[in-house]
């Protein structure tokens, strides 16, 4: 097993430029050193953002921020 948990905090966010709930964080528990790629999809399964964390990620807690933009830097819908 490579990951022990994945949490999104806050689970609801709204990156629409109003200054409220603009960012969310992905908290990931890594059990063993690994190369990680995080893929963010919408409810229909369309890939919105692909974040390559890299090779040799150490075991332990990892936190990644997401601003609600897709791979092209465009804001995705709520």
PDB file of N, CA and C in Angstrom:
ATOM      1  N   UNK A   1       0.846  -1.175   0.000  1.00  0.00           N
ATOM      2  CA  UNK A   1       0.000   0.000   0.000  1.00  0.00           C
ATOM      3  C   UNK A   1       0.889   1.236   0.000  1.00  0.00           C
ATOM      4  N   UNK A   2       0.614   2.166  -0.883  1.00  0.00           N
ATOM      5  CA  UNK A   2       1.433   3.370  -1.011  1.00  0.00           C
ATOM      6  C   UNK A   2       0.849   4.539  -0.215  1.00  0.00           C
ATOM      7  N   UNK A   3      -0.487   4.709  -0.259  1.00  0.00           N
ATOM      8  CA  UNK A   3      -1.135   5.819   0.436  1.00  0.00           C
ATOM      9  C   UNK A   3      -1.968   5.309   1.594  1.00  0.00           C
ATOM     10  N   UNK A   4      -1.937   6.014   2.710  1.00  0.00           N
ATOM     11  CA  UNK A   4      -2.767   5.633   3.852  1.00  0.00           C
ATOM     12  C   UNK A   4      -4.029   6.482   3.934  1.00  0.00           C
ATOM     13  N   UNK A   5      -4.002   7.690   3.378  1.00  0.00           N
ATOM     14  CA  UNK A   5      -5.201   8.530   3.357  1.00  0.00           C
ATOM     15  C   UNK A   5      -5.039   9.637   2.319  1.00  0.00           C
ATOM     16  N   UNK A   6      -6.182  10.135   1.869  1.00  0.00           N
ATOM     17  CA  UNK A   6      -6.247  11.325   1.028  1.00  0.00           C
ATOM     18  C   UNK A   6      -7.437  12.132   1.531  1.00  0.00           C
ATOM     19  N   UNK A   7      -7.194  13.379   1.902  1.00  0.00           N
ATOM     20  CA  UNK A   7      -8.254  14.255   2.393  1.00  0.00           C
ATOM     21  C   UNK A   7      -8.226  15.560   1.599  1.00  0.00           C
ATOM     22  N   UNK A   8      -9.399  16.115   1.384  1.00  0.00           N
ATOM     23  CA  UNK A   8      -9.520  17.428   0.759  1.00  0.00           C
ATOM     24  C   UNK A   8     -10.089  18.369   1.820  1.00  0.00           C
ATOM     25  N   UNK A   9      -9.331  19.439   2.146  1.00  0.00           N
ATOM     26  CA  UNK A   9      -9.734  20.343   3.223  1.00  0.00           C
ATOM     27  C   UNK A   9      -9.580  21.791   2.758  1.00  0.00           C
ATOM     28  N   UNK A  10     -10.629  22.577   2.693  1.00  0.00           N
ATOM     29  CA  UNK A  10     -12.013  22.190   2.883  1.00  0.00           C
ATOM     30  C   UNK A  10     -12.525  21.422   1.673  1.00  0.00           C
ATOM     31  N   UNK A  11     -13.505  20.577   1.905  1.00  0.00           N
ATOM     32  CA  UNK A  11     -14.071  19.763   0.832  1.00  0.00           C
ATOM     33  C   UNK A  11     -14.852  20.585  -0.179  1.00  0.00           C
ATOM     34  N   UNK A  12     -15.457  21.650   0.280  1.00  0.00           N
ATOM     35  CA  UNK A  12     -16.183  22.560  -0.614  1.00  0.00           C
ATOM     36  C   UNK A  12     -15.394  23.850  -0.728  1.00  0.00           C
ATOM     37  N   UNK A  13     -15.111  24.249  -1.952  1.00  0.00           N
ATOM     38  CA  UNK A  13     -14.460  25.528  -2.165  1.00  0.00           C
ATOM     39  C   UNK A  13     -14.955  26.121  -3.466  1.00  0.00           C
ATOM     40  N   UNK A  14     -14.762  27.421  -3.623  1.00  0.00           N
ATOM     41  CA  UNK A  14     -15.352  28.139  -4.743  1.00  0.00           C
ATOM     42  C   UNK A  14     -14.352  29.149  -5.292  1.00  0.00           C
ATOM     43  N   UNK A  15     -13.506  28.702  -6.217  1.00  0.00           N
ATOM     44  CA  UNK A  15     -12.467  29.599  -6.751  1.00  0.00           C
ATOM     45  C   UNK A  15     -13.020  30.563  -7.795  1.00  0.00           C
ATOM     46  N   UNK A  16     -13.791  31.558  -7.339  1.00  0.00           N
ATOM     47  CA  UNK A  16     -14.431  32.476  -8.285  1.00  0.00           C
ATOM     48  C   UNK A  16     -13.973  33.923  -8.145  1.00  0.00           C
ATOM     49  N   UNK A  17     -12.909  34.154  -7.362  1.00  0.00           N
ATOM     50  CA  UNK A  17     -12.344  35.493  -7.257  1.00  0.00           C
ATOM     51  C   UNK A  17     -13.005  36.411  -6.246  1.00  0.00           C
ATOM     52  N   UNK A  18     -13.924  35.891  -5.431  1.00  0.00           N
ATOM     53  CA  UNK A  18     -14.587  36.757  -4.452  1.00  0.00           C
ATOM     54  C   UNK A  18     -13.859  36.819  -3.112  1.00  0.00           C
ATOM     55  N   UNK A  19     -12.711  36.131  -2.999  1.00  0.00           N
ATOM     56  CA  UNK A  19     -11.926  36.168  -1.776  1.00  0.00           C
ATOM     57  C   UNK A  19     -12.373  35.198  -0.701  1.00  0.00           C
ATOM     58  N   UNK A  20     -13.376  34.387  -0.974  1.00  0.00           N
ATOM     59  CA  UNK A  20     -13.883  33.415   0.002  1.00  0.00           C
ATOM     60  C   UNK A  20     -13.757  32.009  -0.572  1.00  0.00           C
ATOM     61  N   UNK A  21     -13.191  31.102   0.211  1.00  0.00           N
ATOM     62  CA  UNK A  21     -13.048  29.694  -0.184  1.00  0.00           C
ATOM     63  C   UNK A  21     -12.367  29.537  -1.540  1.00  0.00           C
ATOM     64  N   UNK A  22     -11.294  30.278  -1.739  1.00  0.00           N
ATOM     65  CA  UNK A  22     -10.603  30.273  -3.031  1.00  0.00           C
ATOM     66  C   UNK A  22      -9.662  29.091  -3.225  1.00  0.00           C
ATOM     67  N   UNK A  23      -9.147  28.530  -2.133  1.00  0.00           N
ATOM     68  CA  UNK A  23      -8.157  27.458  -2.211  1.00  0.00           C
ATOM     69  C   UNK A  23      -8.618  26.245  -1.420  1.00  0.00           C
ATOM     70  N   UNK A  24      -8.114  25.088  -1.811  1.00  0.00           N
ATOM     71  CA  UNK A  24      -8.292  23.883  -1.017  1.00  0.00           C
ATOM     72  C   UNK A  24      -6.950  23.171  -0.937  1.00  0.00           C
ATOM     73  N   UNK A  25      -6.826  22.287   0.016  1.00  0.00           N
ATOM     74  CA  UNK A  25      -5.586  21.528   0.182  1.00  0.00           C
ATOM     75  C   UNK A  25      -5.869  20.040   0.096  1.00  0.00           C
ATOM     76  N   UNK A  26      -4.965  19.332  -0.539  1.00  0.00           N
ATOM     77  CA  UNK A  26      -5.016  17.872  -0.583  1.00  0.00           C
ATOM     78  C   UNK A  26      -3.997  17.373   0.424  1.00  0.00           C
ATOM     79  N   UNK A  27      -4.457  16.641   1.411  1.00  0.00           N
ATOM     80  CA  UNK A  27      -3.571  16.056   2.421  1.00  0.00           C
ATOM     81  C   UNK A  27      -3.443  14.575   2.118  1.00  0.00           C
ATOM     82  N   UNK A  28      -2.207  14.138   1.977  1.00  0.00           N
ATOM     83  CA  UNK A  28      -1.936  12.769   1.523  1.00  0.00           C
ATOM     84  C   UNK A  28      -0.958  12.107   2.482  1.00  0.00           C
ATOM     85  N   UNK A  29      -1.290  10.912   2.935  1.00  0.00           N
ATOM     86  CA  UNK A  29      -0.395  10.128   3.767  1.00  0.00           C
ATOM     87  C   UNK A  29       0.351   9.131   2.898  1.00  0.00           C
ATOM     88  N   UNK A  30       1.653   9.284   2.801  1.00  0.00           N
ATOM     89  CA  UNK A  30       2.488   8.436   1.956  1.00  0.00           C
ATOM     90  C   UNK A  30       3.151   7.383   2.846  1.00  0.00           C
ATOM     91  N   UNK A  31       2.891   6.106   2.562  1.00  0.00           N
ATOM     92  CA  UNK A  31       3.407   5.009   3.388  1.00  0.00           C
ATOM     93  C   UNK A  31       4.862   4.656   3.088  1.00  0.00           C
ATOM     94  N   UNK A  32       5.225   4.691   1.808  1.00  0.00           N
ATOM     95  CA  UNK A  32       6.583   4.334   1.390  1.00  0.00           C
ATOM     96  C   UNK A  32       7.041   5.355   0.345  1.00  0.00           C
ATOM     97  N   UNK A  33       8.346   5.595   0.227  1.00  0.00           N
ATOM     98  CA  UNK A  33       8.813   6.516  -0.812  1.00  0.00           C
ATOM     99  C   UNK A  33       8.265   6.095  -2.176  1.00  0.00           C
ATOM    100  N   UNK A  34       7.779   7.078  -2.933  1.00  0.00           N
ATOM    101  CA  UNK A  34       7.134   6.757  -4.213  1.00  0.00           C
ATOM    102  C   UNK A  34       7.141   7.969  -5.124  1.00  0.00           C
ATOM    103  N   UNK A  35       6.905   7.730  -6.398  1.00  0.00           N
ATOM    104  CA  UNK A  35       6.637   8.791  -7.353  1.00  0.00           C
ATOM    105  C   UNK A  35       5.133   8.986  -7.399  1.00  0.00           C
ATOM    106  N   UNK A  36       4.671  10.221  -7.298  1.00  0.00           N
ATOM    107  CA  UNK A  36       3.241  10.473  -7.251  1.00  0.00           C
ATOM    108  C   UNK A  36       2.798  11.424  -8.352  1.00  0.00           C
ATOM    109  N   UNK A  37       1.640  11.134  -8.912  1.00  0.00           N
ATOM    110  CA  UNK A  37       0.930  12.046  -9.796  1.00  0.00           C
ATOM    111  C   UNK A  37      -0.480  12.163  -9.250  1.00  0.00           C
ATOM    112  N   UNK A  38      -0.921  13.380  -8.983  1.00  0.00           N
ATOM    113  CA  UNK A  38      -2.272  13.626  -8.481  1.00  0.00           C
ATOM    114  C   UNK A  38      -3.113  14.085  -9.655  1.00  0.00           C
ATOM    115  N   UNK A  39      -4.247  13.414  -9.860  1.00  0.00           N
ATOM    116  CA  UNK A  39      -5.158  13.751 -10.947  1.00  0.00           C
ATOM    117  C   UNK A  39      -6.469  14.225 -10.335  1.00  0.00           C
ATOM    118  N   UNK A  40      -6.883  15.438 -10.696  1.00  0.00           N
ATOM    119  CA  UNK A  40      -8.142  15.998 -10.207  1.00  0.00           C
ATOM    120  C   UNK A  40      -9.145  15.927 -11.347  1.00  0.00           C
ATOM    121  N   UNK A  41     -10.297  15.293 -11.058  1.00  0.00           N
ATOM    122  CA  UNK A  41     -11.337  15.097 -12.068  1.00  0.00           C
ATOM    123  C   UNK A  41     -12.640  15.729 -11.604  1.00  0.00           C
ATOM    124  N   UNK A  42     -13.507  16.051 -12.570  1.00  0.00           N
ATOM    125  CA  UNK A  42     -14.842  16.492 -12.198  1.00  0.00           C
ATOM    126  C   UNK A  42     -15.715  15.260 -11.970  1.00  0.00           C
ATOM    127  N   UNK A  43     -16.967  15.460 -11.615  1.00  0.00           N
ATOM    128  CA  UNK A  43     -17.850  14.332 -11.307  1.00  0.00           C
ATOM    129  C   UNK A  43     -18.069  13.401 -12.498  1.00  0.00           C
ATOM    130  N   UNK A  44     -17.894  13.910 -13.708  1.00  0.00           N
ATOM    131  CA  UNK A  44     -18.053  13.093 -14.908  1.00  0.00           C
ATOM    132  C   UNK A  44     -16.794  12.336 -15.298  1.00  0.00           C
ATOM    133  N   UNK A  45     -15.705  12.538 -14.571  1.00  0.00           N
ATOM    134  CA  UNK A  45     -14.467  11.833 -14.859  1.00  0.00           C
ATOM    135  C   UNK A  45     -13.506  12.578 -15.773  1.00  0.00           C
ATOM    136  N   UNK A  46     -13.859  13.794 -16.184  1.00  0.00           N
ATOM    137  CA  UNK A  46     -12.968  14.587 -17.026  1.00  0.00           C
ATOM    138  C   UNK A  46     -11.797  15.094 -16.186  1.00  0.00           C
ATOM    139  N   UNK A  47     -10.591  14.891 -16.683  1.00  0.00           N
ATOM    140  CA  UNK A  47      -9.398  15.341 -15.966  1.00  0.00           C
ATOM    141  C   UNK A  47      -9.312  16.865 -16.053  1.00  0.00           C
ATOM    142  N   UNK A  48      -9.270  17.507 -14.889  1.00  0.00           N
ATOM    143  CA  UNK A  48      -9.160  18.955 -14.817  1.00  0.00           C
ATOM    144  C   UNK A  48      -7.729  19.406 -14.603  1.00  0.00           C
ATOM    145  N   UNK A  49      -7.025  18.692 -13.750  1.00  0.00           N
ATOM    146  CA  UNK A  49      -5.656  19.077 -13.409  1.00  0.00           C
ATOM    147  C   UNK A  49      -4.833  17.844 -13.110  1.00  0.00           C
ATOM    148  N   UNK A  50      -3.635  17.810 -13.610  1.00  0.00           N
ATOM    149  CA  UNK A  50      -2.705  16.722 -13.348  1.00  0.00           C
ATOM    150  C   UNK A  50      -1.457  17.349 -12.722  1.00  0.00           C
ATOM    151  N   UNK A  51      -1.156  16.942 -11.493  1.00  0.00           N
ATOM    152  CA  UNK A  51      -0.011  17.486 -10.769  1.00  0.00           C
ATOM    153  C   UNK A  51       0.988  16.356 -10.553  1.00  0.00           C
ATOM    154  N   UNK A  52       2.151  16.470 -11.170  1.00  0.00           N
ATOM    155  CA  UNK A  52       3.209  15.492 -10.972  1.00  0.00           C
ATOM    156  C   UNK A  52       4.029  15.959  -9.783  1.00  0.00           C
ATOM    157  N   UNK A  53       3.927  15.214  -8.690  1.00  0.00           N
ATOM    158  CA  UNK A  53       4.655  15.569  -7.479  1.00  0.00           C
ATOM    159  C   UNK A  53       6.121  15.178  -7.632  1.00  0.00           C
ATOM    160  N   UNK A  54       6.366  14.078  -8.342  1.00  0.00           N
ATOM    161  CA  UNK A  54       7.737  13.697  -8.633  1.00  0.00           C
ATOM    162  C   UNK A  54       8.121  12.336  -8.103  1.00  0.00           C
ATOM    163  N   UNK A  55       9.331  11.953  -8.390  1.00  0.00           N
ATOM    164  CA  UNK A  55       9.897  10.689  -7.929  1.00  0.00           C
ATOM    165  C   UNK A  55      10.503  10.885  -6.556  1.00  0.00           C
ATOM    166  N   UNK A  56      10.552   9.826  -5.789  1.00  0.00           N
ATOM    167  CA  UNK A  56      11.235   9.864  -4.505  1.00  0.00           C
ATOM    168  C   UNK A  56      10.556  10.699  -3.442  1.00  0.00           C
ATOM    169  N   UNK A  57       9.211  10.788  -3.495  1.00  0.00           N
ATOM    170  CA  UNK A  57       8.487  11.482  -2.431  1.00  0.00           C
ATOM    171  C   UNK A  57       8.667  10.661  -1.159  1.00  0.00           C
ATOM    172  N   UNK A  58       9.110  11.305  -0.095  1.00  0.00           N
ATOM    173  CA  UNK A  58       9.394  10.600   1.156  1.00  0.00           C
ATOM    174  C   UNK A  58       8.105  10.141   1.830  1.00  0.00           C
ATOM    175  N   UNK A  59       8.219   9.091   2.612  1.00  0.00           N
ATOM    176  CA  UNK A  59       7.089   8.636   3.416  1.00  0.00           C
ATOM    177  C   UNK A  59       6.747   9.718   4.434  1.00  0.00           C
ATOM    178  N   UNK A  60       5.454   9.851   4.732  1.00  0.00           N
ATOM    179  CA  UNK A  60       4.990  10.843   5.698  1.00  0.00           C
ATOM    180  C   UNK A  60       3.822  11.622   5.145  1.00  0.00           C
ATOM    181  N   UNK A  61       3.537  12.751   5.756  1.00  0.00           N
ATOM    182  CA  UNK A  61       2.411  13.600   5.359  1.00  0.00           C
ATOM    183  C   UNK A  61       2.847  14.557   4.256  1.00  0.00           C
ATOM    184  N   UNK A  62       1.987  14.707   3.263  1.00  0.00           N
ATOM    185  CA  UNK A  62       2.234  15.604   2.140  1.00  0.00           C
ATOM    186  C   UNK A  62       0.997  16.475   1.979  1.00  0.00           C
ATOM    187  N   UNK A  63       1.176  17.765   1.789  1.00  0.00           N
ATOM    188  CA  UNK A  63       0.063  18.672   1.551  1.00  0.00           C
ATOM    189  C   UNK A  63       0.303  19.420   0.256  1.00  0.00           C
ATOM    190  N   UNK A  64      -0.705  19.398  -0.622  1.00  0.00           N
ATOM    191  CA  UNK A  64      -0.653  20.117  -1.894  1.00  0.00           C
ATOM    192  C   UNK A  64      -1.820  21.088  -1.943  1.00  0.00           C
ATOM    193  N   UNK A  65      -1.572  22.302  -2.361  1.00  0.00           N
ATOM    194  CA  UNK A  65      -2.652  23.261  -2.536  1.00  0.00           C
ATOM    195  C   UNK A  65      -3.181  23.217  -3.955  1.00  0.00           C
ATOM    196  N   UNK A  66      -4.473  23.546  -4.101  1.00  0.00           N
ATOM    197  CA  UNK A  66      -5.063  23.660  -5.438  1.00  0.00           C
ATOM    198  C   UNK A  66      -5.913  24.914  -5.475  1.00  0.00           C
ATOM    199  N   UNK A  67      -5.710  25.726  -6.508  1.00  0.00           N
ATOM    200  CA  UNK A  67      -6.400  27.003  -6.645  1.00  0.00           C
ATOM    201  C   UNK A  67      -7.638  26.939  -7.518  1.00  0.00           C
ATOM    202  N   UNK A  68      -8.018  25.740  -7.954  1.00  0.00           N
ATOM    203  CA  UNK A  68      -9.220  25.594  -8.775  1.00  0.00           C
ATOM    204  C   UNK A  68      -8.993  25.824 -10.250  1.00  0.00           C
ATOM    205  N   UNK A  69      -7.736  25.933 -10.677  1.00  0.00           N
ATOM    206  CA  UNK A  69      -7.447  26.098 -12.098  1.00  0.00           C
ATOM    207  C   UNK A  69      -7.105  24.764 -12.734  1.00  0.00           C
ATOM    208  N   UNK A  70      -7.416  24.652 -14.024  1.00  0.00           N
ATOM    209  CA  UNK A  70      -7.095  23.434 -14.753  1.00  0.00           C
ATOM    210  C   UNK A  70      -5.651  23.493 -15.248  1.00  0.00           C
ATOM    211  N   UNK A  71      -5.268  22.507 -16.059  1.00  0.00           N
ATOM    212  CA  UNK A  71      -3.885  22.441 -16.563  1.00  0.00           C
ATOM    213  C   UNK A  71      -3.509  23.624 -17.438  1.00  0.00           C
ATOM    214  N   UNK A  72      -4.515  24.322 -17.999  1.00  0.00           N
ATOM    215  CA  UNK A  72      -4.244  25.476 -18.851  1.00  0.00           C
ATOM    216  C   UNK A  72      -4.312  26.795 -18.084  1.00  0.00           C
ATOM    217  N   UNK A  73      -4.523  26.707 -16.753  1.00  0.00           N
ATOM    218  CA  UNK A  73      -4.600  27.903 -15.934  1.00  0.00           C
ATOM    219  C   UNK A  73      -5.973  28.547 -15.927  1.00  0.00           C
ATOM    220  N   UNK A  74      -6.964  27.864 -16.485  1.00  0.00           N
ATOM    221  CA  UNK A  74      -8.322  28.391 -16.516  1.00  0.00           C
ATOM    222  C   UNK A  74      -9.085  27.950 -15.271  1.00  0.00           C
ATOM    223  N   UNK A  75      -9.880  28.843 -14.725  1.00  0.00           N
ATOM    224  CA  UNK A  75     -10.705  28.533 -13.545  1.00  0.00           C
ATOM    225  C   UNK A  75     -11.772  27.518 -13.936  1.00  0.00           C
ATOM    226  N   UNK A  76     -11.908  26.467 -13.126  1.00  0.00           N
ATOM    227  CA  UNK A  76     -12.931  25.447 -13.396  1.00  0.00           C
ATOM    228  C   UNK A  76     -14.209  25.802 -12.641  1.00  0.00           C
ATOM    229  N   UNK A  77     -15.352  25.325 -13.105  1.00  0.00           N
ATOM    230  CA  UNK A  77     -16.616  25.638 -12.414  1.00  0.00           C
ATOM    231  C   UNK A  77     -16.656  25.018 -11.011  1.00  0.00           C
ATOM    232  N   UNK A  78     -17.502  25.604 -10.142  1.00  0.00           N
ATOM    233  CA  UNK A  78     -17.715  25.054  -8.801  1.00  0.00           C
ATOM    234  C   UNK A  78     -18.115  23.596  -8.892  1.00  0.00           C
TER     235      UNK A  78
END
